């Protein structure tokens, strides 16, 4: 009994290892029962009780597989032949004949589109007769040519309309400019005459020559004033031109660039005061804005003394402005003898 039991246990181990091997390959008792039930439902009862039964069942299955394979090959061949026929009929290059339903649908759509185009072409049959025996390709080419010519015609018509609009606008603009020109012609004539007069004045009576003539005529007065207001009084008058001065001591010539700042300012003030005194038809006033802000004290005093002489002679009313408080006080001392009726001081303050 122990020996039989041991052999049975050994056989069970072997069977368990085979079952595990089959399960690793995807076979199991549950799968076997499922297949058995499916075969029973198909009317193929299975009675497997020994290895011989299994072998017989496997042989039967192999034979069935061969039969089914042959049948499948026949169906596949017939299907390929049918696909080839359909492909040739539909003009398809797909050897496998895939998506034939889609191709049939597209063919139907093309037929509908062709019918629509044919209906539209019927409207133009009188204008564009086309023999039915001529191929449609030639009709497409000719229609393309007609379309191109029509497009060019439409573009030309558009350009012509645009040109007409531009011409109309330019005509209106021309009329407006002509009216403006008629109004401006008298002004143009007057401006032309004025320009001719100005050109003649510039040519024959230039500003530089007029200024030179005026200064030469007033040279004596300029030298007289300069001798009174410049300090130290070392110059007797002007040289040959307006940029030189003649010294009293040795009659030497000094350029304006060689004398002091105070003396140059005194010379400029001499020219200004002499020209102002020469005016006959003009307001009798002298307007001076800080003329000696950068002049030394000696020249400042000489200049103020000359202004006091001008005021005493009653030739001019003097307006003197300065930002120098010291110079303002000095000016007031020089002129306060005139009294409050003839001399007034105004203190101005800048607002911030």
Protein backbone atom coordinates (compact mmCIF):
# COMPACT_ATOMS: atom_id res chain seq x y z
CA UNK A 1 0.00 0.00 0.00
CA UNK A 2 2.85 2.38 0.86
CA UNK A 3 4.48 1.66 -2.48
CA UNK A 4 1.26 2.32 -4.40
CA UNK A 5 0.74 5.49 -2.39
CA UNK A 6 4.26 6.68 -3.19
CA UNK A 7 3.78 6.00 -6.91
CA UNK A 8 0.48 7.85 -6.84
CA UNK A 9 2.10 10.82 -5.14
CA UNK A 10 4.87 10.81 -7.70
CA UNK A 11 2.35 10.68 -10.52
CA UNK A 12 0.43 13.58 -8.96
CA UNK A 13 3.64 15.64 -8.93
CA UNK A 14 4.24 14.89 -12.58
CA UNK A 15 0.65 15.83 -13.46
CA UNK A 16 0.91 19.04 -11.42
CA UNK A 17 4.10 20.03 -13.25
CA UNK A 18 2.43 19.34 -16.60
CA UNK A 19 -0.63 21.36 -15.55
CA UNK A 20 1.62 24.26 -14.53
CA UNK A 21 3.43 24.04 -17.85
CA UNK A 22 0.12 24.10 -19.74
CA UNK A 23 -1.13 27.02 -17.66
CA UNK A 24 2.03 28.96 -18.47
CA UNK A 25 1.19 28.40 -22.18
CA UNK A 26 -2.39 29.67 -21.69
CA UNK A 27 -4.13 26.27 -21.15
CA UNK A 28 -6.08 25.58 -18.01
CA UNK A 29 -8.85 23.36 -16.73
CA UNK A 30 -11.27 26.29 -16.89
CA UNK A 31 -10.27 26.96 -20.50
CA UNK A 32 -10.77 23.26 -21.31
CA UNK A 33 -14.21 23.31 -19.78
CA UNK A 34 -15.06 26.48 -21.76
CA UNK A 35 -13.99 24.87 -25.05
CA UNK A 36 -15.91 21.72 -24.18
CA UNK A 37 -19.05 23.68 -23.53
CA UNK A 38 -18.66 25.59 -26.82
CA UNK A 39 -18.25 22.32 -28.74
CA UNK A 40 -21.31 20.89 -27.06
CA UNK A 41 -23.30 23.97 -28.08
CA UNK A 42 -22.18 23.38 -31.68
CA UNK A 43 -23.52 19.82 -31.52
CA UNK A 44 -20.15 18.15 -31.19
CA UNK A 45 -20.19 16.11 -27.96
CA UNK A 46 -16.81 15.29 -26.47
CA UNK A 47 -16.07 12.18 -24.52
CA UNK A 48 -12.46 12.31 -23.45
CA UNK A 49 -11.52 9.68 -20.98
CA UNK A 50 -8.03 8.59 -22.07
CA UNK A 51 -5.00 9.71 -24.00
CA UNK A 52 -6.26 7.83 -27.02
CA UNK A 53 -9.43 9.89 -26.94
CA UNK A 54 -7.36 13.06 -26.76
CA UNK A 55 -5.21 11.96 -29.69
CA UNK A 56 -8.29 11.15 -31.73
CA UNK A 57 -9.79 14.53 -30.84
CA UNK A 58 -6.60 16.32 -31.89
CA UNK A 59 -6.55 14.48 -35.22
CA UNK A 60 -10.17 15.46 -35.82
CA UNK A 61 -9.37 19.10 -34.98
CA UNK A 62 -6.35 19.10 -37.35
CA UNK A 63 -8.50 17.70 -40.18
CA UNK A 64 -11.16 20.34 -39.54
CA UNK A 65 -8.48 23.03 -39.55
CA UNK A 66 -7.19 21.85 -42.93
CA UNK A 67 -10.70 21.85 -44.39
CA UNK A 68 -11.40 25.30 -43.01
CA UNK A 69 -8.06 26.56 -44.32
CA UNK A 70 -8.84 25.37 -47.84
CA UNK A 71 -12.27 26.96 -47.66
CA UNK A 72 -10.70 30.23 -46.43
CA UNK A 73 -8.19 30.20 -49.27
CA UNK A 74 -10.96 29.71 -51.82
CA UNK A 75 -12.95 32.60 -50.32
CA UNK A 76 -9.82 34.78 -50.23
CA UNK A 77 -9.08 34.06 -53.90
CA UNK A 78 -12.65 34.86 -54.87
CA UNK A 79 -12.48 38.07 -52.81
CA UNK A 80 -9.25 39.12 -54.53
CA UNK A 81 -10.78 38.51 -57.93
CA UNK A 82 -13.80 40.58 -56.96
CA UNK A 83 -11.60 43.42 -55.69
CA UNK A 84 -9.65 43.36 -58.95
CA UNK A 85 -12.84 43.65 -60.97
CA UNK A 86 -14.11 46.51 -58.80
CA UNK A 87 -10.75 48.30 -58.96
CA UNK A 88 -10.71 48.09 -62.76
CA UNK A 89 -14.30 49.27 -62.94
CA UNK A 90 -13.70 52.24 -60.60
CA UNK A 91 -10.27 53.15 -62.00
CA UNK A 92 -8.62 52.52 -58.63
CA UNK A 93 -4.94 51.69 -58.29
CA UNK A 94 -5.40 50.14 -54.87
CA UNK A 95 -4.42 46.44 -55.33
CA UNK A 96 -5.98 45.48 -52.04
CA UNK A 97 -9.31 47.13 -52.92
CA UNK A 98 -9.53 48.84 -49.55
CA UNK A 99 -12.17 51.43 -48.82
CA UNK A 100 -14.27 50.49 -51.85
CA UNK A 101 -17.38 51.90 -50.22
CA UNK A 102 -15.68 55.27 -49.91
CA UNK A 103 -14.67 55.13 -53.57
CA UNK A 104 -18.21 54.26 -54.58
CA UNK A 105 -19.48 57.19 -52.53
CA UNK A 106 -17.02 59.53 -54.22
CA UNK A 107 -18.05 58.16 -57.61
CA UNK A 108 -21.69 58.92 -56.84
CA UNK A 109 -20.71 62.44 -55.75
CA UNK A 110 -18.80 62.96 -59.00
CA UNK A 111 -21.82 61.78 -60.98
CA UNK A 112 -24.05 64.27 -59.15
CA UNK A 113 -21.48 67.05 -59.68
CA UNK A 114 -21.20 66.16 -63.36
CA UNK A 115 -24.97 66.33 -63.73
CA UNK A 116 -24.97 69.76 -62.04
CA UNK A 117 -22.21 71.05 -64.32
CA UNK A 118 -24.03 69.66 -67.33
CA UNK A 119 -27.17 71.51 -66.30
CA UNK A 120 -25.22 74.77 -65.89
CA UNK A 121 -23.46 74.29 -69.23
CA UNK A 122 -26.82 73.87 -70.86
CA UNK A 123 -27.53 77.55 -70.14
CA UNK A 124 -24.53 78.58 -72.23
CA UNK A 125 -25.05 76.14 -75.07
CA UNK A 126 -26.36 78.88 -77.33
CA UNK A 127 -23.34 81.13 -76.66
CA UNK A 128 -20.78 78.33 -76.58
CA UNK A 129 -21.95 75.41 -78.75
CA UNK A 130 -20.01 72.23 -78.20
CA UNK A 131 -20.32 69.03 -80.26
CA UNK A 132 -21.16 66.07 -78.11
CA UNK A 133 -18.59 63.88 -79.90
CA UNK A 134 -15.65 66.07 -78.84
CA UNK A 135 -13.91 65.02 -75.61
CA UNK A 136 -14.64 66.80 -72.36
CA UNK A 137 -10.92 67.54 -71.88
CA UNK A 138 -10.97 69.95 -74.81
CA UNK A 139 -14.03 71.60 -73.31
CA UNK A 140 -12.16 72.06 -70.02
CA UNK A 141 -9.20 73.65 -71.81
CA UNK A 142 -11.42 75.97 -73.83
CA UNK A 143 -13.44 76.87 -70.73
CA UNK A 144 -10.20 77.73 -68.97
CA UNK A 145 -9.22 80.01 -71.84
CA UNK A 146 -12.63 81.67 -71.77
CA UNK A 147 -12.35 82.11 -68.00
CA UNK A 148 -8.92 83.71 -68.39
CA UNK A 149 -10.16 86.12 -71.07
CA UNK A 150 -13.18 86.96 -68.91
CA UNK A 151 -10.94 87.66 -65.95
CA UNK A 152 -8.72 89.94 -68.01
CA UNK A 153 -11.81 91.72 -69.34
CA UNK A 154 -13.14 92.22 -65.83
CA UNK A 155 -9.77 93.57 -64.65
CA UNK A 156 -9.63 95.95 -67.62
CA UNK A 157 -13.16 97.18 -66.88
CA UNK A 158 -12.19 97.77 -63.24
CA UNK A 159 -9.09 99.74 -64.27
CA UNK A 160 -11.15 101.79 -66.70
CA UNK A 161 -13.69 102.64 -64.00
CA UNK A 162 -10.88 103.61 -61.64
CA UNK A 163 -9.26 105.75 -64.34
CA UNK A 164 -12.58 107.48 -65.03
CA UNK A 165 -13.01 108.22 -61.31
CA UNK A 166 -9.46 109.58 -61.10
CA UNK A 167 -10.00 111.69 -64.22
CA UNK A 168 -13.20 113.16 -62.77
CA UNK A 169 -11.48 113.98 -59.48
CA UNK A 170 -8.46 115.52 -61.25
CA UNK A 171 -10.74 117.59 -63.46
CA UNK A 172 -12.49 119.01 -60.39
CA UNK A 173 -9.12 119.68 -58.78
CA UNK A 174 -7.89 121.44 -61.95
CA UNK A 175 -10.96 123.70 -61.94
CA UNK A 176 -10.39 124.57 -58.29
CA UNK A 177 -6.71 125.36 -58.90
CA UNK A 178 -7.63 127.49 -61.93
CA UNK A 179 -10.04 129.54 -59.80
CA UNK A 180 -7.41 129.95 -57.09
CA UNK A 181 -4.85 130.98 -59.70
CA UNK A 182 -7.17 133.68 -61.02
CA UNK A 183 -7.43 135.10 -57.51
CA UNK A 184 -3.68 134.89 -56.93
CA UNK A 185 -2.55 136.46 -60.21
CA UNK A 186 -2.89 140.07 -58.94
CA UNK A 187 -0.93 139.18 -55.80
CA UNK A 188 1.73 137.45 -57.89
CA UNK A 189 2.11 140.58 -60.02
CA UNK A 190 2.45 142.77 -56.92
CA UNK A 191 4.96 140.39 -55.33
CA UNK A 192 6.94 140.32 -58.57
CA UNK A 193 7.12 144.11 -58.63
CA UNK A 194 8.09 144.20 -54.94
CA UNK A 195 10.75 141.59 -55.52
CA UNK A 196 12.18 143.61 -58.41
CA UNK A 197 12.32 146.72 -56.20
CA UNK A 198 13.99 144.82 -53.38
CA UNK A 199 16.51 143.32 -55.77
CA UNK A 200 17.35 146.75 -57.07
CA UNK A 201 17.67 148.11 -53.53
CA UNK A 202 19.95 145.26 -52.55
CA UNK A 203 22.04 145.75 -55.66
CA UNK A 204 22.35 149.55 -55.66
CA UNK A 205 21.61 150.41 -52.02
CA UNK A 206 22.86 147.54 -49.86
CA UNK A 207 22.46 147.62 -46.10
CA UNK A 208 26.20 147.41 -45.53
CA UNK A 209 26.93 150.39 -47.76
CA UNK A 210 24.10 152.36 -46.17
CA UNK A 211 25.45 151.57 -42.71
CA UNK A 212 28.97 152.47 -43.80
CA UNK A 213 27.74 155.80 -45.22
CA UNK A 214 25.76 156.57 -42.07
CA UNK A 215 28.72 155.82 -39.81
CA UNK A 216 31.08 157.87 -41.94
CA UNK A 217 28.70 160.82 -41.81
CA UNK A 218 28.48 160.46 -38.03
CA UNK A 219 32.19 159.73 -37.49
CA UNK A 220 32.96 163.09 -35.82
CA UNK A 221 30.12 162.66 -33.28
CA UNK A 222 31.22 159.09 -32.50
CA UNK A 223 34.81 160.20 -31.85
CA UNK A 224 33.62 163.12 -29.68
CA UNK A 225 31.44 160.92 -27.50
CA UNK A 226 34.13 158.23 -27.28
CA UNK A 227 36.69 160.81 -26.09
CA UNK A 228 34.35 161.75 -23.21
CA UNK A 229 33.24 158.34 -21.93
CA UNK A 230 36.26 156.07 -22.28
CA UNK A 231 38.79 155.89 -19.48
CA UNK A 232 41.70 156.21 -19.41
CA UNK A 233 41.35 158.69 -22.26
CA UNK A 234 44.33 157.46 -24.30
CA UNK A 235 42.74 157.47 -27.78
CA UNK A 236 42.08 160.49 -29.97
CA UNK A 237 39.73 158.85 -32.48
CA UNK A 238 39.20 156.21 -35.10
CA UNK A 239 41.82 154.90 -37.50
CA UNK A 240 41.42 154.24 -41.20
CA UNK A 241 38.70 151.68 -40.56
CA UNK A 242 36.16 150.91 -37.82
CA UNK A 243 38.26 148.23 -36.17
CA UNK A 244 41.23 150.46 -35.16
CA UNK A 245 41.79 153.40 -32.81
CA UNK A 246 44.54 156.06 -32.85
CA UNK A 247 46.48 156.68 -29.61
CA UNK A 248 47.01 160.25 -28.36
CA UNK A 249 50.56 159.76 -27.15
CA UNK A 250 52.35 158.35 -30.19
CA UNK A 251 49.57 158.34 -32.77
CA UNK A 252 49.97 154.61 -32.96
CA UNK A 253 47.15 152.35 -34.11
CA UNK A 254 45.49 149.85 -31.78
CA UNK A 255 43.00 147.21 -32.86
CA UNK A 256 39.74 146.81 -30.99
CA UNK A 257 40.86 143.33 -30.02
CA UNK A 258 43.91 144.83 -28.29
CA UNK A 259 42.13 147.29 -25.98
CA UNK A 260 40.36 146.57 -22.68
CA UNK A 261 36.79 145.28 -22.36
CA UNK A 262 35.68 148.58 -20.81
CA UNK A 263 37.15 150.60 -23.66
CA UNK A 264 35.52 148.37 -26.30
CA UNK A 265 32.16 148.74 -24.51
CA UNK A 266 32.67 152.52 -24.42
CA UNK A 267 33.33 152.53 -28.17
CA UNK A 268 30.14 150.52 -28.85
CA UNK A 269 28.13 152.89 -26.64
CA UNK A 270 29.63 155.85 -28.52
CA UNK A 271 28.36 154.46 -31.82
CA UNK A 272 24.92 153.82 -30.30
CA UNK A 273 24.60 157.25 -28.68
CA UNK A 274 25.86 159.09 -31.78
CA UNK A 275 23.38 157.27 -34.04
CA UNK A 276 20.57 157.92 -31.55
CA UNK A 277 21.39 161.63 -31.38
CA UNK A 278 21.27 161.86 -35.17
CA UNK A 279 17.66 160.69 -35.38
CA UNK A 280 15.24 163.48 -36.25
CA UNK A 281 11.94 161.68 -36.96
CA UNK A 282 11.78 159.31 -34.00
CA UNK A 283 10.76 159.28 -30.32
CA UNK A 284 13.16 161.40 -28.26
CA UNK A 285 14.11 158.57 -25.88
CA UNK A 286 17.17 156.47 -25.07
CA UNK A 287 16.45 152.87 -23.97
CA UNK A 288 19.42 151.20 -22.31
CA UNK A 289 19.38 147.74 -20.72
CA UNK A 290 22.41 147.10 -18.46
CA UNK A 291 24.96 148.56 -20.93
CA UNK A 292 27.85 148.67 -18.44
CA UNK A 293 27.35 145.43 -16.53
CA UNK A 294 30.87 144.25 -17.44
CA UNK A 295 32.65 147.63 -17.55
CA UNK A 296 35.14 148.84 -14.99
CA UNK A 297 34.21 151.64 -12.57
CA UNK A 298 36.16 154.40 -14.37
CA UNK A 299 34.41 153.81 -17.71
CA UNK A 300 31.08 153.41 -15.91
CA UNK A 301 31.43 156.82 -14.24
CA UNK A 302 32.45 158.49 -17.49
CA UNK A 303 29.43 156.97 -19.26
CA UNK A 304 27.01 158.09 -16.53
CA UNK A 305 28.46 161.60 -16.65
CA UNK A 306 27.79 161.75 -20.37
CA UNK A 307 24.21 160.54 -19.87
CA UNK A 308 23.71 163.27 -17.27
CA UNK A 309 24.89 165.84 -19.80
CA UNK A 310 22.36 164.46 -22.33
CA UNK A 311 19.59 164.76 -19.73
CA UNK A 312 20.64 168.33 -18.80
CA UNK A 313 20.55 169.48 -22.39
CA UNK A 314 17.01 168.09 -22.64
CA UNK A 315 17.70 166.16 -25.80
CA UNK A 316 16.39 162.75 -24.71
CA UNK A 317 14.32 161.00 -22.07
CA UNK A 318 16.45 158.19 -20.65
CA UNK A 319 15.21 154.73 -19.59
CA UNK A 320 18.01 152.90 -17.81
CA UNK A 321 17.57 149.35 -16.45
CA UNK A 322 20.11 147.29 -14.50
CA UNK A 323 20.22 144.22 -12.29
CA UNK A 324 23.27 145.57 -10.42
CA UNK A 325 22.14 147.12 -7.13
CA UNK A 326 25.40 149.04 -6.75
CA UNK A 327 25.12 150.53 -10.24
CA UNK A 328 21.46 151.42 -9.60
CA UNK A 329 22.44 153.36 -6.46
CA UNK A 330 25.23 155.13 -8.35
CA UNK A 331 22.86 156.05 -11.20
CA UNK A 332 20.35 157.42 -8.68
CA UNK A 333 23.03 159.62 -7.07
CA UNK A 334 24.03 160.97 -10.47
CA UNK A 335 20.46 161.93 -11.40
CA UNK A 336 18.65 162.62 -8.12
CA UNK A 337 19.31 166.37 -8.59
CA UNK A 338 16.50 166.33 -11.17
CA UNK A 339 13.97 165.93 -8.37
CA UNK A 340 11.02 163.53 -8.03
CA UNK A 341 9.17 165.06 -10.96
CA UNK A 342 11.87 164.29 -13.55
CA UNK A 343 13.65 161.32 -11.99
CA UNK A 344 11.95 158.15 -10.78
CA UNK A 345 13.22 154.80 -9.67
CA UNK A 346 11.21 151.59 -10.01
CA UNK A 347 12.30 148.49 -8.12
CA UNK A 348 11.09 145.37 -9.95
CA UNK A 349 10.95 141.93 -8.31
CA UNK A 350 10.77 138.65 -10.24
CA UNK A 351 7.82 136.45 -9.23
CA UNK A 352 8.71 132.80 -8.55
